[in-house]
Amino acid sequence: TGDKENMYKCQVEHSSLPEIVTVVYEEKSPGPIIGLIAGVILVVVLTVGVAAFGVWYAFFRNNRPGNGGYAPPREGPADVIQRL
């Protein structure tokens, strides 16, 4: 009752059987549920990626030297001692 490419028949003939037994298997298409699952997974991955990038960008943008963030000292006590 469907596409013949997705239909399989198996026939069994044996002396213990009164007649040939035929079993028909029709492969079901995955349908729209696979597309829905793939779409949800894609949206979740993209959302997590954008959020992670936003956190990373906000953190590093505010912590760059010269931008009001942390800047390592150019000259420390060890440098002064070595010059003496």
PDB file of N, CA and C in Angstrom:
ATOM      1  N   THR A   1       0.823  -1.201   0.000  1.00  0.00           N
ATOM      2  CA  THR A   1       0.000   0.000   0.000  1.00  0.00           C
ATOM      3  C   THR A   1       0.858   1.252   0.000  1.00  0.00           C
ATOM      4  N   GLY A   2       2.108   1.137  -0.354  1.00  0.00           N
ATOM      5  CA  GLY A   2       2.995   2.296  -0.335  1.00  0.00           C
ATOM      6  C   GLY A   2       4.003   2.207  -1.449  1.00  0.00           C
ATOM      7  N   ASP A   3       5.081   2.899  -1.279  1.00  0.00           N
ATOM      8  CA  ASP A   3       6.165   2.929  -2.240  1.00  0.00           C
ATOM      9  C   ASP A   3       6.837   1.562  -2.293  1.00  0.00           C
ATOM     10  N   LYS A   4       6.980   0.998  -3.496  1.00  0.00           N
ATOM     11  CA  LYS A   4       7.557  -0.347  -3.612  1.00  0.00           C
ATOM     12  C   LYS A   4       9.038  -0.385  -3.273  1.00  0.00           C
ATOM     13  N   GLU A   5       9.714   0.766  -3.291  1.00  0.00           N
ATOM     14  CA  GLU A   5      11.127   0.792  -2.916  1.00  0.00           C
ATOM     15  C   GLU A   5      11.305   0.540  -1.423  1.00  0.00           C
ATOM     16  N   ASN A   6      10.309   0.858  -0.639  1.00  0.00           N
ATOM     17  CA  ASN A   6      10.391   0.698   0.810  1.00  0.00           C
ATOM     18  C   ASN A   6       9.594  -0.510   1.301  1.00  0.00           C
ATOM     19  N   MET A   7       9.265  -1.443   0.413  1.00  0.00           N
ATOM     20  CA  MET A   7       8.483  -2.608   0.786  1.00  0.00           C
ATOM     21  C   MET A   7       9.317  -3.871   0.551  1.00  0.00           C
ATOM     22  N   TYR A   8       9.305  -4.752   1.547  1.00  0.00           N
ATOM     23  CA  TYR A   8      10.069  -5.990   1.465  1.00  0.00           C
ATOM     24  C   TYR A   8       9.141  -7.159   1.730  1.00  0.00           C
ATOM     25  N   LYS A   9       9.351  -8.252   0.997  1.00  0.00           N
ATOM     26  CA  LYS A   9       8.563  -9.465   1.190  1.00  0.00           C
ATOM     27  C   LYS A   9       9.494 -10.617   1.511  1.00  0.00           C
ATOM     28  N   CYS A  10       9.049 -11.428   2.441  1.00  0.00           N
ATOM     29  CA  CYS A  10       9.799 -12.619   2.811  1.00  0.00           C
ATOM     30  C   CYS A  10       8.857 -13.804   2.695  1.00  0.00           C
ATOM     31  N   GLN A  11       9.262 -14.815   1.937  1.00  0.00           N
ATOM     32  CA  GLN A  11       8.433 -16.013   1.779  1.00  0.00           C
ATOM     33  C   GLN A  11       9.144 -17.202   2.411  1.00  0.00           C
ATOM     34  N   VAL A  12       8.373 -17.946   3.188  1.00  0.00           N
ATOM     35  CA  VAL A  12       8.912 -19.121   3.859  1.00  0.00           C
ATOM     36  C   VAL A  12       8.141 -20.344   3.380  1.00  0.00           C
ATOM     37  N   GLU A  13       8.898 -21.317   2.882  1.00  0.00           N
ATOM     38  CA  GLU A  13       8.297 -22.576   2.446  1.00  0.00           C
ATOM     39  C   GLU A  13       9.000 -23.694   3.218  1.00  0.00           C
ATOM     40  N   HIS A  14       8.203 -24.464   3.943  1.00  0.00           N
ATOM     41  CA  HIS A  14       8.768 -25.533   4.758  1.00  0.00           C
ATOM     42  C   HIS A  14       7.777 -26.693   4.783  1.00  0.00           C
ATOM     43  N   SER A  15       8.325 -27.900   4.939  1.00  0.00           N
ATOM     44  CA  SER A  15       7.463 -29.089   4.928  1.00  0.00           C
ATOM     45  C   SER A  15       6.490 -29.108   6.110  1.00  0.00           C
ATOM     46  N   SER A  16       6.803 -28.413   7.201  1.00  0.00           N
ATOM     47  CA  SER A  16       5.903 -28.396   8.354  1.00  0.00           C
ATOM     48  C   SER A  16       4.765 -27.394   8.200  1.00  0.00           C
ATOM     49  N   LEU A  17       4.840 -26.528   7.188  1.00  0.00           N
ATOM     50  CA  LEU A  17       3.796 -25.530   6.970  1.00  0.00           C
ATOM     51  C   LEU A  17       2.822 -26.018   5.898  1.00  0.00           C
ATOM     52  N   PRO A  18       1.530 -25.781   6.104  1.00  0.00           N
ATOM     53  CA  PRO A  18       0.554 -26.236   5.104  1.00  0.00           C
ATOM     54  C   PRO A  18       0.639 -25.460   3.795  1.00  0.00           C
ATOM     55  N   GLU A  19       1.109 -24.218   3.869  1.00  0.00           N
ATOM     56  CA  GLU A  19       1.247 -23.407   2.653  1.00  0.00           C
ATOM     57  C   GLU A  19       2.398 -22.415   2.844  1.00  0.00           C
ATOM     58  N   ILE A  20       2.764 -21.754   1.754  1.00  0.00           N
ATOM     59  CA  ILE A  20       3.848 -20.770   1.802  1.00  0.00           C
ATOM     60  C   ILE A  20       3.390 -19.571   2.625  1.00  0.00           C
ATOM     61  N   VAL A  21       4.237 -19.157   3.554  1.00  0.00           N
ATOM     62  CA  VAL A  21       3.936 -17.990   4.388  1.00  0.00           C
ATOM     63  C   VAL A  21       4.666 -16.782   3.803  1.00  0.00           C
ATOM     64  N   THR A  22       3.925 -15.718   3.560  1.00  0.00           N
ATOM     65  CA  THR A  22       4.495 -14.485   3.031  1.00  0.00           C
ATOM     66  C   THR A  22       4.325 -13.374   4.067  1.00  0.00           C
ATOM     67  N   VAL A  23       5.433 -12.756   4.421  1.00  0.00           N
ATOM     68  CA  VAL A  23       5.405 -11.634   5.363  1.00  0.00           C
ATOM     69  C   VAL A  23       5.841 -10.391   4.599  1.00  0.00           C
ATOM     70  N   VAL A  24       5.045  -9.337   4.710  1.00  0.00           N
ATOM     71  CA  VAL A  24       5.347  -8.075   4.033  1.00  0.00           C
ATOM     72  C   VAL A  24       5.758  -7.057   5.083  1.00  0.00           C
ATOM     73  N   TYR A  25       6.905  -6.416   4.837  1.00  0.00           N
ATOM     74  CA  TYR A  25       7.397  -5.355   5.721  1.00  0.00           C
ATOM     75  C   TYR A  25       7.507  -4.086   4.900  1.00  0.00           C
ATOM     76  N   GLU A  26       6.848  -3.048   5.369  1.00  0.00           N
ATOM     77  CA  GLU A  26       6.940  -1.754   4.693  1.00  0.00           C
ATOM     78  C   GLU A  26       7.673  -0.788   5.613  1.00  0.00           C
ATOM     79  N   GLU A  27       8.812  -0.295   5.140  1.00  0.00           N
ATOM     80  CA  GLU A  27       9.614   0.636   5.918  1.00  0.00           C
ATOM     81  C   GLU A  27       8.887   1.964   6.023  1.00  0.00           C
ATOM     82  N   LYS A  28       8.753   2.432   7.237  1.00  0.00           N
ATOM     83  CA  LYS A  28       8.065   3.702   7.469  1.00  0.00           C
ATOM     84  C   LYS A  28       9.051   4.853   7.304  1.00  0.00           C
ATOM     85  N   SER A  29       8.579   5.928   6.712  1.00  0.00           N
ATOM     86  CA  SER A  29       9.431   7.111   6.576  1.00  0.00           C
ATOM     87  C   SER A  29       9.518   7.798   7.928  1.00  0.00           C
ATOM     88  N   PRO A  30      10.663   8.444   8.208  1.00  0.00           N
ATOM     89  CA  PRO A  30      10.837   9.079   9.511  1.00  0.00           C
ATOM     90  C   PRO A  30       9.827  10.187   9.774  1.00  0.00           C
ATOM     91  N   GLY A  31       9.293  10.778   8.743  1.00  0.00           N
ATOM     92  CA  GLY A  31       8.265  11.782   8.910  1.00  0.00           C
ATOM     93  C   GLY A  31       8.783  13.099   9.463  1.00  0.00           C
ATOM     94  N   PRO A  32       7.848  13.959   9.840  1.00  0.00           N
ATOM     95  CA  PRO A  32       8.238  15.304  10.285  1.00  0.00           C
ATOM     96  C   PRO A  32       8.871  15.336  11.676  1.00  0.00           C
ATOM     97  N   ILE A  33       8.758  14.271  12.454  1.00  0.00           N
ATOM     98  CA  ILE A  33       9.297  14.282  13.814  1.00  0.00           C
ATOM     99  C   ILE A  33      10.819  14.426  13.801  1.00  0.00           C
ATOM    100  N   ILE A  34      11.497  13.839  12.815  1.00  0.00           N
ATOM    101  CA  ILE A  34      12.957  13.955  12.719  1.00  0.00           C
ATOM    102  C   ILE A  34      13.352  15.404  12.440  1.00  0.00           C
ATOM    103  N   GLY A  35      12.637  16.053  11.555  1.00  0.00           N
ATOM    104  CA  GLY A  35      12.913  17.457  11.257  1.00  0.00           C
ATOM    105  C   GLY A  35      12.682  18.351  12.462  1.00  0.00           C
ATOM    106  N   LEU A  36      11.657  18.057  13.229  1.00  0.00           N
ATOM    107  CA  LEU A  36      11.375  18.830  14.427  1.00  0.00           C
ATOM    108  C   LEU A  36      12.482  18.663  15.460  1.00  0.00           C
ATOM    109  N   ILE A  37      12.913  17.445  15.677  1.00  0.00           N
ATOM    110  CA  ILE A  37      13.995  17.186  16.634  1.00  0.00           C
ATOM    111  C   ILE A  37      15.281  17.870  16.187  1.00  0.00           C
ATOM    112  N   ALA A  38      15.611  17.752  14.910  1.00  0.00           N
ATOM    113  CA  ALA A  38      16.823  18.395  14.390  1.00  0.00           C
ATOM    114  C   ALA A  38      16.739  19.916  14.536  1.00  0.00           C
ATOM    115  N   GLY A  39      15.575  20.480  14.292  1.00  0.00           N
ATOM    116  CA  GLY A  39      15.397  21.919  14.433  1.00  0.00           C
ATOM    117  C   GLY A  39      15.569  22.383  15.862  1.00  0.00           C
ATOM    118  N   VAL A  40      15.002  21.636  16.810  1.00  0.00           N
ATOM    119  CA  VAL A  40      15.132  22.002  18.226  1.00  0.00           C
ATOM    120  C   VAL A  40      16.592  21.925  18.661  1.00  0.00           C
ATOM    121  N   ILE A  41      17.284  20.867  18.253  1.00  0.00           N
ATOM    122  CA  ILE A  41      18.701  20.718  18.601  1.00  0.00           C
ATOM    123  C   ILE A  41      19.510  21.871  18.018  1.00  0.00           C
ATOM    124  N   LEU A  42      19.242  22.236  16.785  1.00  0.00           N
ATOM    125  CA  LEU A  42      19.967  23.344  16.144  1.00  0.00           C
ATOM    126  C   LEU A  42      19.730  24.658  16.881  1.00  0.00           C
ATOM    127  N   VAL A  43      18.489  24.928  17.257  1.00  0.00           N
ATOM    128  CA  VAL A  43      18.172  26.165  17.979  1.00  0.00           C
ATOM    129  C   VAL A  43      18.880  26.194  19.334  1.00  0.00           C
ATOM    130  N   VAL A  44      18.887  25.061  20.040  1.00  0.00           N
ATOM    131  CA  VAL A  44      19.553  25.007  21.349  1.00  0.00           C
ATOM    132  C   VAL A  44      21.049  25.237  21.199  1.00  0.00           C
ATOM    133  N   VAL A  45      21.677  24.582  20.225  1.00  0.00           N
ATOM    134  CA  VAL A  45      23.121  24.742  20.016  1.00  0.00           C
ATOM    135  C   VAL A  45      23.460  26.185  19.644  1.00  0.00           C
ATOM    136  N   LEU A  46      22.683  26.779  18.765  1.00  0.00           N
ATOM    137  CA  LEU A  46      22.942  28.168  18.379  1.00  0.00           C
ATOM    138  C   LEU A  46      22.733  29.126  19.552  1.00  0.00           C
ATOM    139  N   THR A  47      21.712  28.887  20.360  1.00  0.00           N
ATOM    140  CA  THR A  47      21.456  29.747  21.516  1.00  0.00           C
ATOM    141  C   THR A  47      22.594  29.669  22.519  1.00  0.00           C
ATOM    142  N   VAL A  48      23.051  28.460  22.808  1.00  0.00           N
ATOM    143  CA  VAL A  48      24.166  28.288  23.740  1.00  0.00           C
ATOM    144  C   VAL A  48      25.430  28.936  23.175  1.00  0.00           C
ATOM    145  N   GLY A  49      25.673  28.780  21.885  1.00  0.00           N
ATOM    146  CA  GLY A  49      26.848  29.381  21.256  1.00  0.00           C
ATOM    147  C   GLY A  49      26.822  30.902  21.311  1.00  0.00           C
ATOM    148  N   VAL A  50      25.676  31.485  21.015  1.00  0.00           N
ATOM    149  CA  VAL A  50      25.562  32.950  21.050  1.00  0.00           C
ATOM    150  C   VAL A  50      25.707  33.460  22.483  1.00  0.00           C
ATOM    151  N   ALA A  51      25.101  32.751  23.438  1.00  0.00           N
ATOM    152  CA  ALA A  51      25.223  33.163  24.842  1.00  0.00           C
ATOM    153  C   ALA A  51      26.670  33.061  25.317  1.00  0.00           C
ATOM    154  N   ALA A  52      27.361  31.979  24.962  1.00  0.00           N
ATOM    155  CA  ALA A  52      28.759  31.811  25.361  1.00  0.00           C
ATOM    156  C   ALA A  52      29.629  32.899  24.741  1.00  0.00           C
ATOM    157  N   PHE A  53      29.382  33.207  23.483  1.00  0.00           N
ATOM    158  CA  PHE A  53      30.143  34.276  22.839  1.00  0.00           C
ATOM    159  C   PHE A  53      29.875  35.614  23.524  1.00  0.00           C
ATOM    160  N   GLY A  54      28.622  35.876  23.884  1.00  0.00           N
ATOM    161  CA  GLY A  54      28.280  37.124  24.556  1.00  0.00           C
ATOM    162  C   GLY A  54      28.986  37.264  25.890  1.00  0.00           C
ATOM    163  N   VAL A  55      29.026  36.191  26.656  1.00  0.00           N
ATOM    164  CA  VAL A  55      29.722  36.221  27.945  1.00  0.00           C
ATOM    165  C   VAL A  55      31.218  36.423  27.730  1.00  0.00           C
ATOM    166  N   TRP A  56      31.786  35.686  26.787  1.00  0.00           N
ATOM    167  CA  TRP A  56      33.220  35.818  26.496  1.00  0.00           C
ATOM    168  C   TRP A  56      33.550  37.248  26.042  1.00  0.00           C
ATOM    169  N   TYR A  57      32.749  37.773  25.139  1.00  0.00           N
ATOM    170  CA  TYR A  57      33.005  39.114  24.607  1.00  0.00           C
ATOM    171  C   TYR A  57      32.883  40.167  25.705  1.00  0.00           C
ATOM    172  N   ALA A  58      31.849  40.061  26.525  1.00  0.00           N
ATOM    173  CA  ALA A  58      31.655  41.039  27.600  1.00  0.00           C
ATOM    174  C   ALA A  58      32.796  40.964  28.604  1.00  0.00           C
ATOM    175  N   PHE A  59      33.250  39.781  28.914  1.00  0.00           N
ATOM    176  CA  PHE A  59      34.327  39.617  29.879  1.00  0.00           C
ATOM    177  C   PHE A  59      35.640  40.183  29.345  1.00  0.00           C
ATOM    178  N   PHE A  60      36.017  39.819  28.130  1.00  0.00           N
ATOM    179  CA  PHE A  60      37.298  40.257  27.589  1.00  0.00           C
ATOM    180  C   PHE A  60      37.275  41.703  27.115  1.00  0.00           C
ATOM    181  N   ARG A  61      36.133  42.199  26.718  1.00  0.00           N
ATOM    182  CA  ARG A  61      36.053  43.590  26.297  1.00  0.00           C
ATOM    183  C   ARG A  61      36.284  44.512  27.480  1.00  0.00           C
ATOM    184  N   ASN A  62      35.759  44.133  28.644  1.00  0.00           N
ATOM    185  CA  ASN A  62      35.901  44.974  29.833  1.00  0.00           C
ATOM    186  C   ASN A  62      37.233  44.780  30.526  1.00  0.00           C
ATOM    187  N   ASN A  63      37.980  43.751  30.196  1.00  0.00           N
ATOM    188  CA  ASN A  63      39.231  43.475  30.888  1.00  0.00           C
ATOM    189  C   ASN A  63      40.468  43.719  30.026  1.00  0.00           C
ATOM    190  N   ARG A  64      40.334  44.455  28.951  1.00  0.00           N
ATOM    191  CA  ARG A  64      41.493  44.777  28.124  1.00  0.00           C
ATOM    192  C   ARG A  64      42.272  45.919  28.752  1.00  0.00           C
ATOM    193  N   PRO A  65      43.605  45.879  28.681  1.00  0.00           N
ATOM    194  CA  PRO A  65      44.399  47.000  29.203  1.00  0.00           C
ATOM    195  C   PRO A  65      44.028  48.299  28.496  1.00  0.00           C
ATOM    196  N   GLY A  66      43.963  49.378  29.241  1.00  0.00           N
ATOM    197  CA  GLY A  66      43.638  50.668  28.659  1.00  0.00           C
ATOM    198  C   GLY A  66      42.155  50.913  28.524  1.00  0.00           C
ATOM    199  N   ASN A  67      41.355  49.957  28.929  1.00  0.00           N
ATOM    200  CA  ASN A  67      39.914  50.102  28.810  1.00  0.00           C
ATOM    201  C   ASN A  67      39.269  50.145  30.197  1.00  0.00           C
ATOM    202  N   GLY A  68      40.048  50.514  31.196  1.00  0.00           N
ATOM    203  CA  GLY A  68      39.514  50.566  32.538  1.00  0.00           C
ATOM    204  C   GLY A  68      39.562  49.221  33.238  1.00  0.00           C
ATOM    205  N   GLY A  69      40.059  48.195  32.560  1.00  0.00           N
ATOM    206  CA  GLY A  69      40.142  46.869  33.144  1.00  0.00           C
ATOM    207  C   GLY A  69      41.523  46.634  33.739  1.00  0.00           C
ATOM    208  N   TYR A  70      41.818  45.419  34.035  1.00  0.00           N
ATOM    209  CA  TYR A  70      43.100  45.053  34.625  1.00  0.00           C
ATOM    210  C   TYR A  70      44.215  45.191  33.597  1.00  0.00           C
ATOM    211  N   ALA A  71      45.312  45.830  33.990  1.00  0.00           N
ATOM    212  CA  ALA A  71      46.500  45.927  33.155  1.00  0.00           C
ATOM    213  C   ALA A  71      47.691  45.568  34.028  1.00  0.00           C
ATOM    214  N   PRO A  72      48.500  44.600  33.629  1.00  0.00           N
ATOM    215  CA  PRO A  72      49.655  44.232  34.447  1.00  0.00           C
ATOM    216  C   PRO A  72      50.626  45.412  34.548  1.00  0.00           C
ATOM    217  N   PRO A  73      51.307  45.544  35.669  1.00  0.00           N
ATOM    218  CA  PRO A  73      52.238  46.671  35.817  1.00  0.00           C
ATOM    219  C   PRO A  73      53.404  46.554  34.844  1.00  0.00           C
ATOM    220  N   ARG A  74      53.847  47.687  34.353  1.00  0.00           N
ATOM    221  CA  ARG A  74      54.986  47.683  33.428  1.00  0.00           C
ATOM    222  C   ARG A  74      56.296  47.601  34.193  1.00  0.00           C
ATOM    223  N   GLU A  75      56.287  48.119  35.392  1.00  0.00           N
ATOM    224  CA  GLU A  75      57.508  48.111  36.175  1.00  0.00           C
ATOM    225  C   GLU A  75      57.131  47.735  37.605  1.00  0.00           C
ATOM    226  N   GLY A  76      57.743  46.675  38.087  1.00  0.00           N
ATOM    227  CA  GLY A  76      57.443  46.229  39.434  1.00  0.00           C
ATOM    228  C   GLY A  76      58.667  46.301  40.299  1.00  0.00           C
ATOM    229  N   PRO A  77      58.569  45.879  41.549  1.00  0.00           N
ATOM    230  CA  PRO A  77      59.721  45.920  42.469  1.00  0.00           C
ATOM    231  C   PRO A  77      60.924  45.143  41.949  1.00  0.00           C
ATOM    232  N   ALA A  78      60.711  44.033  41.272  1.00  0.00           N
ATOM    233  CA  ALA A  78      61.828  43.251  40.757  1.00  0.00           C
ATOM    234  C   ALA A  78      62.616  44.038  39.700  1.00  0.00           C
ATOM    235  N   ASP A  79      61.914  44.820  38.868  1.00  0.00           N
ATOM    236  CA  ASP A  79      62.585  45.625  37.844  1.00  0.00           C
ATOM    237  C   ASP A  79      63.434  46.727  38.477  1.00  0.00           C
ATOM    238  N   VAL A  80      62.959  47.339  39.542  1.00  0.00           N
ATOM    239  CA  VAL A  80      63.696  48.415  40.203  1.00  0.00           C
ATOM    240  C   VAL A  80      64.960  47.873  40.851  1.00  0.00           C
ATOM    241  N   ILE A  81      64.869  46.726  41.487  1.00  0.00           N
ATOM    242  CA  ILE A  81      66.029  46.118  42.150  1.00  0.00           C
ATOM    243  C   ILE A  81      67.099  45.741  41.134  1.00  0.00           C
ATOM    244  N   GLN A  82      66.702  45.225  39.984  1.00  0.00           N
ATOM    245  CA  GLN A  82      67.670  44.784  38.979  1.00  0.00           C
ATOM    246  C   GLN A  82      68.431  45.969  38.398  1.00  0.00           C
ATOM    247  N   ARG A  83      67.820  47.149  38.329  1.00  0.00           N
ATOM    248  CA  ARG A  83      68.492  48.318  37.760  1.00  0.00           C
ATOM    249  C   ARG A  83      69.487  48.929  38.737  1.00  0.00           C
ATOM    250  N   LEU A  84      69.346  48.697  40.012  1.00  0.00           N
ATOM    251  CA  LEU A  84      70.247  49.311  41.000  1.00  0.00           C
ATOM    252  C   LEU A  84      71.577  48.696  40.987  1.00  0.00           C
TER     253      LEU A  84
END
